[in-house]
């Protein structure tokens, strides 16, 4: 009986954790501080997680003209191929970046 209860408990925890990870991946908003910027993207860190943001569709190869190191921004987009493709980028002041 103990073995069945332990198996059930680990199964439920595994399903819960998988569900939480999946829900996090489908979240389309990420806010944080810019750690690094290059011509068509930047790295964004929220203190517990860091992501690479592809900003090409919004800023082209001119991301460094619009976004600065240390700036607080919110990005809306989707995670695809290890990068977060930005649909919109907004400064903490509410101003849209690049569009």
PDB file of N, CA and C in Angstrom:
ATOM      1  N   UNK A   1       0.821  -1.200   0.000  1.00  0.00           N
ATOM      2  CA  UNK A   1       0.000   0.000   0.000  1.00  0.00           C
ATOM      3  C   UNK A   1       0.868   1.269   0.000  1.00  0.00           C
ATOM      4  N   UNK A   2       1.952   1.263   0.819  1.00  0.00           N
ATOM      5  CA  UNK A   2       2.835   2.425   0.871  1.00  0.00           C
ATOM      6  C   UNK A   2       3.465   2.690  -0.486  1.00  0.00           C
ATOM      7  N   UNK A   3       3.831   1.631  -1.202  1.00  0.00           N
ATOM      8  CA  UNK A   3       4.451   1.777  -2.513  1.00  0.00           C
ATOM      9  C   UNK A   3       3.476   2.422  -3.494  1.00  0.00           C
ATOM     10  N   UNK A   4       2.222   1.989  -3.480  1.00  0.00           N
ATOM     11  CA  UNK A   4       1.212   2.572  -4.367  1.00  0.00           C
ATOM     12  C   UNK A   4       0.957   4.046  -4.047  1.00  0.00           C
ATOM     13  N   UNK A   5       0.911   4.380  -2.758  1.00  0.00           N
ATOM     14  CA  UNK A   5       0.687   5.757  -2.342  1.00  0.00           C
ATOM     15  C   UNK A   5       1.867   6.643  -2.775  1.00  0.00           C
ATOM     16  N   UNK A   6       3.086   6.152  -2.601  1.00  0.00           N
ATOM     17  CA  UNK A   6       4.269   6.908  -3.011  1.00  0.00           C
ATOM     18  C   UNK A   6       4.274   7.114  -4.520  1.00  0.00           C
ATOM     19  N   UNK A   7       3.950   6.073  -5.293  1.00  0.00           N
ATOM     20  CA  UNK A   7       3.902   6.185  -6.752  1.00  0.00           C
ATOM     21  C   UNK A   7       2.853   7.209  -7.173  1.00  0.00           C
ATOM     22  N   UNK A   8       1.674   7.155  -6.538  1.00  0.00           N
ATOM     23  CA  UNK A   8       0.598   8.097  -6.846  1.00  0.00           C
ATOM     24  C   UNK A   8       1.033   9.529  -6.544  1.00  0.00           C
ATOM     25  N   UNK A   9       1.666   9.731  -5.382  1.00  0.00           N
ATOM     26  CA  UNK A   9       2.110  11.062  -4.984  1.00  0.00           C
ATOM     27  C   UNK A   9       3.117  11.625  -5.979  1.00  0.00           C
ATOM     28  N   UNK A  10       4.131  10.812  -6.364  1.00  0.00           N
ATOM     29  CA  UNK A  10       5.129  11.278  -7.320  1.00  0.00           C
ATOM     30  C   UNK A  10       4.510  11.520  -8.690  1.00  0.00           C
ATOM     31  N   UNK A  11       3.538  10.720  -9.065  1.00  0.00           N
ATOM     32  CA  UNK A  11       2.872  10.910 -10.353  1.00  0.00           C
ATOM     33  C   UNK A  11       2.114  12.232 -10.385  1.00  0.00           C
ATOM     34  N   UNK A  12       1.385  12.525  -9.312  1.00  0.00           N
ATOM     35  CA  UNK A  12       0.622  13.769  -9.240  1.00  0.00           C
ATOM     36  C   UNK A  12       1.564  14.964  -9.239  1.00  0.00           C
ATOM     37  N   UNK A  13       2.642  14.907  -8.463  1.00  0.00           N
ATOM     38  CA  UNK A  13       3.615  15.992  -8.426  1.00  0.00           C
ATOM     39  C   UNK A  13       4.232  16.181  -9.807  1.00  0.00           C
ATOM     40  N   UNK A  14       4.576  15.099 -10.490  1.00  0.00           N
ATOM     41  CA  UNK A  14       5.153  15.177 -11.833  1.00  0.00           C
ATOM     42  C   UNK A  14       4.206  15.824 -12.818  1.00  0.00           C
ATOM     43  N   UNK A  15       2.930  15.458 -12.760  1.00  0.00           N
ATOM     44  CA  UNK A  15       1.929  16.052 -13.650  1.00  0.00           C
ATOM     45  C   UNK A  15       1.765  17.536 -13.339  1.00  0.00           C
ATOM     46  N   UNK A  16       1.723  17.879 -12.042  1.00  0.00           N
ATOM     47  CA  UNK A  16       1.583  19.281 -11.646  1.00  0.00           C
ATOM     48  C   UNK A  16       2.764  20.099 -12.145  1.00  0.00           C
ATOM     49  N   UNK A  17       3.982  19.595 -11.946  1.00  0.00           N
ATOM     50  CA  UNK A  17       5.169  20.323 -12.364  1.00  0.00           C
ATOM     51  C   UNK A  17       5.209  20.473 -13.879  1.00  0.00           C
ATOM     52  N   UNK A  18       4.841  19.432 -14.618  1.00  0.00           N
ATOM     53  CA  UNK A  18       4.799  19.517 -16.074  1.00  0.00           C
ATOM     54  C   UNK A  18       3.771  20.558 -16.502  1.00  0.00           C
ATOM     55  N   UNK A  19       2.621  20.573 -15.867  1.00  0.00           N
ATOM     56  CA  UNK A  19       1.587  21.554 -16.178  1.00  0.00           C
ATOM     57  C   UNK A  19       2.046  22.967 -15.891  1.00  0.00           C
ATOM     58  N   UNK A  20       2.753  23.171 -14.785  1.00  0.00           N
ATOM     59  CA  UNK A  20       3.250  24.493 -14.437  1.00  0.00           C
ATOM     60  C   UNK A  20       4.280  24.962 -15.458  1.00  0.00           C
ATOM     61  N   UNK A  21       5.172  24.074 -15.866  1.00  0.00           N
ATOM     62  CA  UNK A  21       6.193  24.438 -16.850  1.00  0.00           C
ATOM     63  C   UNK A  21       5.546  24.775 -18.187  1.00  0.00           C
ATOM     64  N   UNK A  22       4.532  24.002 -18.571  1.00  0.00           N
ATOM     65  CA  UNK A  22       3.838  24.272 -19.828  1.00  0.00           C
ATOM     66  C   UNK A  22       3.114  25.606 -19.766  1.00  0.00           C
ATOM     67  N   UNK A  23       2.462  25.888 -18.652  1.00  0.00           N
ATOM     68  CA  UNK A  23       1.748  27.156 -18.512  1.00  0.00           C
ATOM     69  C   UNK A  23       2.716  28.322 -18.581  1.00  0.00           C
ATOM     70  N   UNK A  24       3.904  28.167 -17.981  1.00  0.00           N
ATOM     71  CA  UNK A  24       4.891  29.227 -18.015  1.00  0.00           C
ATOM     72  C   UNK A  24       5.371  29.483 -19.442  1.00  0.00           C
ATOM     73  N   UNK A  25       5.525  28.452 -20.234  1.00  0.00           N
ATOM     74  CA  UNK A  25       5.995  28.610 -21.605  1.00  0.00           C
ATOM     75  C   UNK A  25       4.964  29.314 -22.485  1.00  0.00           C
ATOM     76  N   UNK A  26       3.688  29.182 -22.146  1.00  0.00           N
ATOM     77  CA  UNK A  26       2.647  29.800 -22.963  1.00  0.00           C
ATOM     78  C   UNK A  26       2.347  31.230 -22.523  1.00  0.00           C
ATOM     79  N   UNK A  27       2.945  31.637 -21.409  1.00  0.00           N
ATOM     80  CA  UNK A  27       2.768  33.010 -20.969  1.00  0.00           C
ATOM     81  C   UNK A  27       3.443  33.920 -21.985  1.00  0.00           C
ATOM     82  N   UNK A  28       2.739  34.893 -22.507  1.00  0.00           N
ATOM     83  CA  UNK A  28       3.293  35.695 -23.602  1.00  0.00           C
ATOM     84  C   UNK A  28       3.818  37.053 -23.170  1.00  0.00           C
ATOM     85  N   UNK A  29       4.010  37.281 -21.872  1.00  0.00           N
ATOM     86  CA  UNK A  29       4.534  38.543 -21.373  1.00  0.00           C
ATOM     87  C   UNK A  29       5.720  38.280 -20.457  1.00  0.00           C
ATOM     88  N   UNK A  30       6.791  39.053 -20.638  1.00  0.00           N
ATOM     89  CA  UNK A  30       7.982  38.915 -19.811  1.00  0.00           C
ATOM     90  C   UNK A  30       8.514  40.311 -19.529  1.00  0.00           C
ATOM     91  N   UNK A  31       8.721  40.639 -18.271  1.00  0.00           N
ATOM     92  CA  UNK A  31       9.225  41.956 -17.888  1.00  0.00           C
ATOM     93  C   UNK A  31      10.525  41.802 -17.121  1.00  0.00           C
ATOM     94  N   UNK A  32      11.432  42.760 -17.314  1.00  0.00           N
ATOM     95  CA  UNK A  32      12.685  42.705 -16.581  1.00  0.00           C
ATOM     96  C   UNK A  32      13.645  43.790 -17.015  1.00  0.00           C
ATOM     97  N   UNK A  33      14.919  43.593 -16.630  1.00  0.00           N
ATOM     98  CA  UNK A  33      15.981  44.553 -16.926  1.00  0.00           C
ATOM     99  C   UNK A  33      16.826  44.027 -18.080  1.00  0.00           C
ATOM    100  N   UNK A  34      17.193  44.914 -18.987  1.00  0.00           N
ATOM    101  CA  UNK A  34      18.014  44.551 -20.139  1.00  0.00           C
ATOM    102  C   UNK A  34      19.460  44.342 -19.667  1.00  0.00           C
ATOM    103  N   UNK A  35      19.980  43.142 -19.898  1.00  0.00           N
ATOM    104  CA  UNK A  35      21.348  42.788 -19.496  1.00  0.00           C
ATOM    105  C   UNK A  35      22.363  42.965 -20.618  1.00  0.00           C
ATOM    106  N   UNK A  36      21.916  42.843 -21.850  1.00  0.00           N
ATOM    107  CA  UNK A  36      22.809  42.934 -23.001  1.00  0.00           C
ATOM    108  C   UNK A  36      21.973  43.297 -24.222  1.00  0.00           C
ATOM    109  N   UNK A  37      22.537  44.074 -25.139  1.00  0.00           N
ATOM    110  CA  UNK A  37      21.824  44.479 -26.358  1.00  0.00           C
ATOM    111  C   UNK A  37      22.746  44.273 -27.554  1.00  0.00           C
ATOM    112  N   UNK A  38      22.183  43.792 -28.653  1.00  0.00           N
ATOM    113  CA  UNK A  38      22.915  43.676 -29.916  1.00  0.00           C
ATOM    114  C   UNK A  38      22.001  44.143 -31.036  1.00  0.00           C
ATOM    115  N   UNK A  39      22.471  44.099 -32.284  1.00  0.00           N
ATOM    116  CA  UNK A  39      21.762  44.739 -33.397  1.00  0.00           C
ATOM    117  C   UNK A  39      20.302  44.319 -33.558  1.00  0.00           C
ATOM    118  N   UNK A  40      19.956  43.054 -33.340  1.00  0.00           N
ATOM    119  CA  UNK A  40      18.571  42.627 -33.580  1.00  0.00           C
ATOM    120  C   UNK A  40      17.919  41.959 -32.376  1.00  0.00           C
ATOM    121  N   UNK A  41      18.453  42.202 -31.179  1.00  0.00           N
ATOM    122  CA  UNK A  41      17.855  41.593 -30.008  1.00  0.00           C
ATOM    123  C   UNK A  41      18.529  42.009 -28.720  1.00  0.00           C
ATOM    124  N   UNK A  42      18.106  41.379 -27.634  1.00  0.00           N
ATOM    125  CA  UNK A  42      18.671  41.688 -26.324  1.00  0.00           C
ATOM    126  C   UNK A  42      18.364  40.560 -25.346  1.00  0.00           C
ATOM    127  N   UNK A  43      19.083  40.565 -24.222  1.00  0.00           N
ATOM    128  CA  UNK A  43      18.843  39.606 -23.142  1.00  0.00           C
ATOM    129  C   UNK A  43      18.113  40.350 -22.034  1.00  0.00           C
ATOM    130  N   UNK A  44      17.016  39.747 -21.555  1.00  0.00           N
ATOM    131  CA  UNK A  44      16.169  40.343 -20.532  1.00  0.00           C
ATOM    132  C   UNK A  44      16.175  39.450 -19.302  1.00  0.00           C
ATOM    133  N   UNK A  45      16.364  40.047 -18.121  1.00  0.00           N
ATOM    134  CA  UNK A  45      16.455  39.288 -16.878  1.00  0.00           C
ATOM    135  C   UNK A  45      15.453  39.838 -15.871  1.00  0.00           C
ATOM    136  N   UNK A  46      14.650  38.944 -15.285  1.00  0.00           N
ATOM    137  CA  UNK A  46      13.683  39.389 -14.281  1.00  0.00           C
ATOM    138  C   UNK A  46      14.106  39.028 -12.861  1.00  0.00           C
ATOM    139  N   UNK A  47      15.349  38.632 -12.682  1.00  0.00           N
ATOM    140  CA  UNK A  47      15.855  38.286 -11.361  1.00  0.00           C
ATOM    141  C   UNK A  47      15.887  36.798 -11.104  1.00  0.00           C
ATOM    142  N   UNK A  48      14.957  36.069 -11.710  1.00  0.00           N
ATOM    143  CA  UNK A  48      14.943  34.615 -11.542  1.00  0.00           C
ATOM    144  C   UNK A  48      15.119  33.875 -12.864  1.00  0.00           C
ATOM    145  N   UNK A  49      14.978  34.592 -13.952  1.00  0.00           N
ATOM    146  CA  UNK A  49      15.073  33.973 -15.272  1.00  0.00           C
ATOM    147  C   UNK A  49      15.597  34.989 -16.282  1.00  0.00           C
ATOM    148  N   UNK A  50      16.337  34.498 -17.244  1.00  0.00           N
ATOM    149  CA  UNK A  50      16.876  35.351 -18.294  1.00  0.00           C
ATOM    150  C   UNK A  50      16.465  34.762 -19.640  1.00  0.00           C
ATOM    151  N   UNK A  51      16.024  35.619 -20.568  1.00  0.00           N
ATOM    152  CA  UNK A  51      15.635  35.145 -21.892  1.00  0.00           C
ATOM    153  C   UNK A  51      16.306  35.996 -22.970  1.00  0.00           C
ATOM    154  N   UNK A  52      16.475  35.400 -24.139  1.00  0.00           N
ATOM    155  CA  UNK A  52      16.971  36.110 -25.313  1.00  0.00           C
ATOM    156  C   UNK A  52      15.749  36.564 -26.100  1.00  0.00           C
ATOM    157  N   UNK A  53      15.662  37.858 -26.358  1.00  0.00           N
ATOM    158  CA  UNK A  53      14.529  38.442 -27.075  1.00  0.00           C
ATOM    159  C   UNK A  53      14.965  38.777 -28.497  1.00  0.00           C
ATOM    160  N   UNK A  54      14.225  38.263 -29.472  1.00  0.00           N
ATOM    161  CA  UNK A  54      14.447  38.593 -30.874  1.00  0.00           C
ATOM    162  C   UNK A  54      13.574  39.803 -31.196  1.00  0.00           C
ATOM    163  N   UNK A  55      14.205  40.948 -31.401  1.00  0.00           N
ATOM    164  CA  UNK A  55      13.476  42.193 -31.655  1.00  0.00           C
ATOM    165  C   UNK A  55      13.517  42.617 -33.121  1.00  0.00           C
ATOM    166  N   UNK A  56      13.995  41.751 -34.001  1.00  0.00           N
ATOM    167  CA  UNK A  56      14.181  42.121 -35.405  1.00  0.00           C
ATOM    168  C   UNK A  56      12.891  42.610 -36.072  1.00  0.00           C
ATOM    169  N   UNK A  57      11.764  41.930 -35.814  1.00  0.00           N
ATOM    170  CA  UNK A  57      10.503  42.324 -36.461  1.00  0.00           C
ATOM    171  C   UNK A  57      10.054  43.727 -36.059  1.00  0.00           C
ATOM    172  N   UNK A  58      10.499  44.202 -34.904  1.00  0.00           N
ATOM    173  CA  UNK A  58      10.124  45.542 -34.446  1.00  0.00           C
ATOM    174  C   UNK A  58      11.191  46.598 -34.736  1.00  0.00           C
ATOM    175  N   UNK A  59      12.452  46.246 -34.492  1.00  0.00           N
ATOM    176  CA  UNK A  59      13.540  47.228 -34.568  1.00  0.00           C
ATOM    177  C   UNK A  59      14.499  46.992 -35.725  1.00  0.00           C
ATOM    178  N   UNK A  60      14.323  45.905 -36.459  1.00  0.00           N
ATOM    179  CA  UNK A  60      15.278  45.572 -37.515  1.00  0.00           C
ATOM    180  C   UNK A  60      16.656  45.340 -36.907  1.00  0.00           C
ATOM    181  N   UNK A  61      17.678  45.820 -37.563  1.00  0.00           N
ATOM    182  CA  UNK A  61      19.046  45.703 -37.056  1.00  0.00           C
ATOM    183  C   UNK A  61      19.455  46.916 -36.220  1.00  0.00           C
ATOM    184  N   UNK A  62      18.489  47.656 -35.688  1.00  0.00           N
ATOM    185  CA  UNK A  62      18.762  48.897 -34.963  1.00  0.00           C
ATOM    186  C   UNK A  62      18.317  48.851 -33.502  1.00  0.00           C
ATOM    187  N   UNK A  63      18.270  47.682 -32.922  1.00  0.00           N
ATOM    188  CA  UNK A  63      17.832  47.540 -31.532  1.00  0.00           C
ATOM    189  C   UNK A  63      18.681  48.388 -30.595  1.00  0.00           C
ATOM    190  N   UNK A  64      19.987  48.467 -30.834  1.00  0.00           N
ATOM    191  CA  UNK A  64      20.878  49.239 -29.958  1.00  0.00           C
ATOM    192  C   UNK A  64      20.567  50.739 -29.960  1.00  0.00           C
ATOM    193  N   UNK A  65      19.877  51.222 -30.979  1.00  0.00           N
ATOM    194  CA  UNK A  65      19.471  52.634 -31.026  1.00  0.00           C
ATOM    195  C   UNK A  65      18.261  52.906 -30.134  1.00  0.00           C
ATOM    196  N   UNK A  66      17.484  51.858 -29.854  1.00  0.00           N
ATOM    197  CA  UNK A  66      16.211  52.032 -29.158  1.00  0.00           C
ATOM    198  C   UNK A  66      16.197  51.505 -27.729  1.00  0.00           C
ATOM    199  N   UNK A  67      17.015  50.515 -27.426  1.00  0.00           N
ATOM    200  CA  UNK A  67      17.019  49.871 -26.110  1.00  0.00           C
ATOM    201  C   UNK A  67      18.419  49.952 -25.535  1.00  0.00           C
ATOM    202  N   UNK A  68      18.502  50.311 -24.253  1.00  0.00           N
ATOM    203  CA  UNK A  68      19.799  50.490 -23.590  1.00  0.00           C
ATOM    204  C   UNK A  68      19.979  49.489 -22.451  1.00  0.00           C
ATOM    205  N   UNK A  69      21.222  49.154 -22.176  1.00  0.00           N
ATOM    206  CA  UNK A  69      21.582  48.304 -21.060  1.00  0.00           C
ATOM    207  C   UNK A  69      21.005  48.883 -19.761  1.00  0.00           C
ATOM    208  N   UNK A  70      20.413  48.038 -18.934  1.00  0.00           N
ATOM    209  CA  UNK A  70      19.864  48.452 -17.652  1.00  0.00           C
ATOM    210  C   UNK A  70      18.438  48.945 -17.689  1.00  0.00           C
ATOM    211  N   UNK A  71      17.889  49.153 -18.869  1.00  0.00           N
ATOM    212  CA  UNK A  71      16.524  49.655 -19.018  1.00  0.00           C
ATOM    213  C   UNK A  71      15.508  48.589 -18.613  1.00  0.00           C
ATOM    214  N   UNK A  72      14.420  49.022 -17.966  1.00  0.00           N
ATOM    215  CA  UNK A  72      13.316  48.125 -17.596  1.00  0.00           C
ATOM    216  C   UNK A  72      12.304  48.120 -18.730  1.00  0.00           C
ATOM    217  N   UNK A  73      11.987  46.942 -19.263  1.00  0.00           N
ATOM    218  CA  UNK A  73      11.003  46.825 -20.345  1.00  0.00           C
ATOM    219  C   UNK A  73      10.097  45.630 -20.119  1.00  0.00           C
ATOM    220  N   UNK A  74       8.964  45.657 -20.792  1.00  0.00           N
ATOM    221  CA  UNK A  74       8.034  44.533 -20.835  1.00  0.00           C
ATOM    222  C   UNK A  74       7.901  44.113 -22.287  1.00  0.00           C
ATOM    223  N   UNK A  75       8.021  42.818 -22.523  1.00  0.00           N
ATOM    224  CA  UNK A  75       7.956  42.279 -23.876  1.00  0.00           C
ATOM    225  C   UNK A  75       6.758  41.350 -23.985  1.00  0.00           C
ATOM    226  N   UNK A  76       5.977  41.510 -25.040  1.00  0.00           N
ATOM    227  CA  UNK A  76       4.885  40.599 -25.364  1.00  0.00           C
ATOM    228  C   UNK A  76       5.299  39.860 -26.627  1.00  0.00           C
ATOM    229  N   UNK A  77       5.141  38.546 -26.626  1.00  0.00           N
ATOM    230  CA  UNK A  77       5.539  37.763 -27.789  1.00  0.00           C
ATOM    231  C   UNK A  77       5.322  36.291 -27.562  1.00  0.00           C
ATOM    232  N   UNK A  78       6.164  35.479 -28.212  1.00  0.00           N
ATOM    233  CA  UNK A  78       6.042  34.035 -28.050  1.00  0.00           C
ATOM    234  C   UNK A  78       7.429  33.397 -28.045  1.00  0.00           C
ATOM    235  N   UNK A  79       7.538  32.323 -27.286  1.00  0.00           N
ATOM    236  CA  UNK A  79       8.786  31.580 -27.226  1.00  0.00           C
ATOM    237  C   UNK A  79       8.837  30.624 -28.400  1.00  0.00           C
ATOM    238  N   UNK A  80       9.884  30.767 -29.218  1.00  0.00           N
ATOM    239  CA  UNK A  80      10.018  29.909 -30.389  1.00  0.00           C
ATOM    240  C   UNK A  80      11.491  29.646 -30.662  1.00  0.00           C
ATOM    241  N   UNK A  81      11.858  28.386 -30.687  1.00  0.00           N
ATOM    242  CA  UNK A  81      13.228  28.003 -31.015  1.00  0.00           C
ATOM    243  C   UNK A  81      14.267  28.527 -30.044  1.00  0.00           C
ATOM    244  N   UNK A  82      13.946  28.630 -28.771  1.00  0.00           N
ATOM    245  CA  UNK A  82      14.894  29.094 -27.775  1.00  0.00           C
ATOM    246  C   UNK A  82      14.985  30.602 -27.640  1.00  0.00           C
ATOM    247  N   UNK A  83      14.270  31.336 -28.474  1.00  0.00           N
ATOM    248  CA  UNK A  83      14.233  32.794 -28.385  1.00  0.00           C
ATOM    249  C   UNK A  83      12.797  33.251 -28.175  1.00  0.00           C
ATOM    250  N   UNK A  84      12.667  34.410 -27.566  1.00  0.00           N
ATOM    251  CA  UNK A  84      11.364  35.015 -27.355  1.00  0.00           C
ATOM    252  C   UNK A  84      11.151  36.037 -28.464  1.00  0.00           C
ATOM    253  N   UNK A  85      10.290  35.728 -29.426  1.00  0.00           N
ATOM    254  CA  UNK A  85      10.002  36.632 -30.543  1.00  0.00           C
ATOM    255  C   UNK A  85       9.079  37.747 -30.061  1.00  0.00           C
ATOM    256  N   UNK A  86       9.560  38.981 -30.107  1.00  0.00           N
ATOM    257  CA  UNK A  86       8.815  40.124 -29.587  1.00  0.00           C
ATOM    258  C   UNK A  86       7.756  40.611 -30.565  1.00  0.00           C
ATOM    259  N   UNK A  87       6.533  40.769 -30.074  1.00  0.00           N
ATOM    260  CA  UNK A  87       5.449  41.394 -30.832  1.00  0.00           C
ATOM    261  C   UNK A  87       5.344  42.869 -30.447  1.00  0.00           C
ATOM    262  N   UNK A  88       5.676  43.183 -29.170  1.00  0.00           N
ATOM    263  CA  UNK A  88       5.715  44.564 -28.693  1.00  0.00           C
ATOM    264  C   UNK A  88       6.708  44.658 -27.541  1.00  0.00           C
ATOM    265  N   UNK A  89       7.311  45.835 -27.418  1.00  0.00           N
ATOM    266  CA  UNK A  89       8.243  46.129 -26.336  1.00  0.00           C
ATOM    267  C   UNK A  89       7.819  47.466 -25.761  1.00  0.00           C
ATOM    268  N   UNK A  90       7.662  47.523 -24.428  1.00  0.00           N
ATOM    269  CA  UNK A  90       7.200  48.738 -23.768  1.00  0.00           C
ATOM    270  C   UNK A  90       8.129  49.100 -22.618  1.00  0.00           C
ATOM    271  N   UNK A  91       8.514  50.363 -22.543  1.00  0.00           N
ATOM    272  CA  UNK A  91       9.323  50.851 -21.427  1.00  0.00           C
ATOM    273  C   UNK A  91       8.466  50.931 -20.166  1.00  0.00           C
ATOM    274  N   UNK A  92       9.109  51.050 -19.014  1.00  0.00           N
ATOM    275  CA  UNK A  92       8.372  51.157 -17.753  1.00  0.00           C
ATOM    276  C   UNK A  92       7.499  52.424 -17.720  1.00  0.00           C
ATOM    277  N   UNK A  93       7.838  53.412 -18.544  1.00  0.00           N
ATOM    278  CA  UNK A  93       7.036  54.650 -18.637  1.00  0.00           C
ATOM    279  C   UNK A  93       5.754  54.463 -19.439  1.00  0.00           C
ATOM    280  N   UNK A  94       5.635  53.300 -20.130  1.00  0.00           N
ATOM    281  CA  UNK A  94       4.475  53.039 -20.971  1.00  0.00           C
ATOM    282  C   UNK A  94       4.715  53.324 -22.443  1.00  0.00           C
ATOM    283  N   UNK A  95       5.864  53.895 -22.757  1.00  0.00           N
ATOM    284  CA  UNK A  95       6.214  54.222 -24.146  1.00  0.00           C
ATOM    285  C   UNK A  95       6.586  52.965 -24.929  1.00  0.00           C
ATOM    286  N   UNK A  96       6.029  52.835 -26.131  1.00  0.00           N
ATOM    287  CA  UNK A  96       6.372  51.717 -27.012  1.00  0.00           C
ATOM    288  C   UNK A  96       7.765  51.914 -27.582  1.00  0.00           C
ATOM    289  N   UNK A  97       8.480  50.822 -27.739  1.00  0.00           N
ATOM    290  CA  UNK A  97       9.836  50.853 -28.285  1.00  0.00           C
ATOM    291  C   UNK A  97       9.786  50.388 -29.738  1.00  0.00           C
ATOM    292  N   UNK A  98      10.434  51.121 -30.616  1.00  0.00           N
ATOM    293  CA  UNK A  98      10.628  50.792 -32.030  1.00  0.00           C
ATOM    294  C   UNK A  98       9.387  50.964 -32.900  1.00  0.00           C
ATOM    295  N   UNK A  99       8.220  51.098 -32.375  1.00  0.00           N
ATOM    296  CA  UNK A  99       7.029  51.284 -33.208  1.00  0.00           C
ATOM    297  C   UNK A  99       6.142  52.323 -32.621  1.00  0.00           C
TER     298      UNK A  99
END
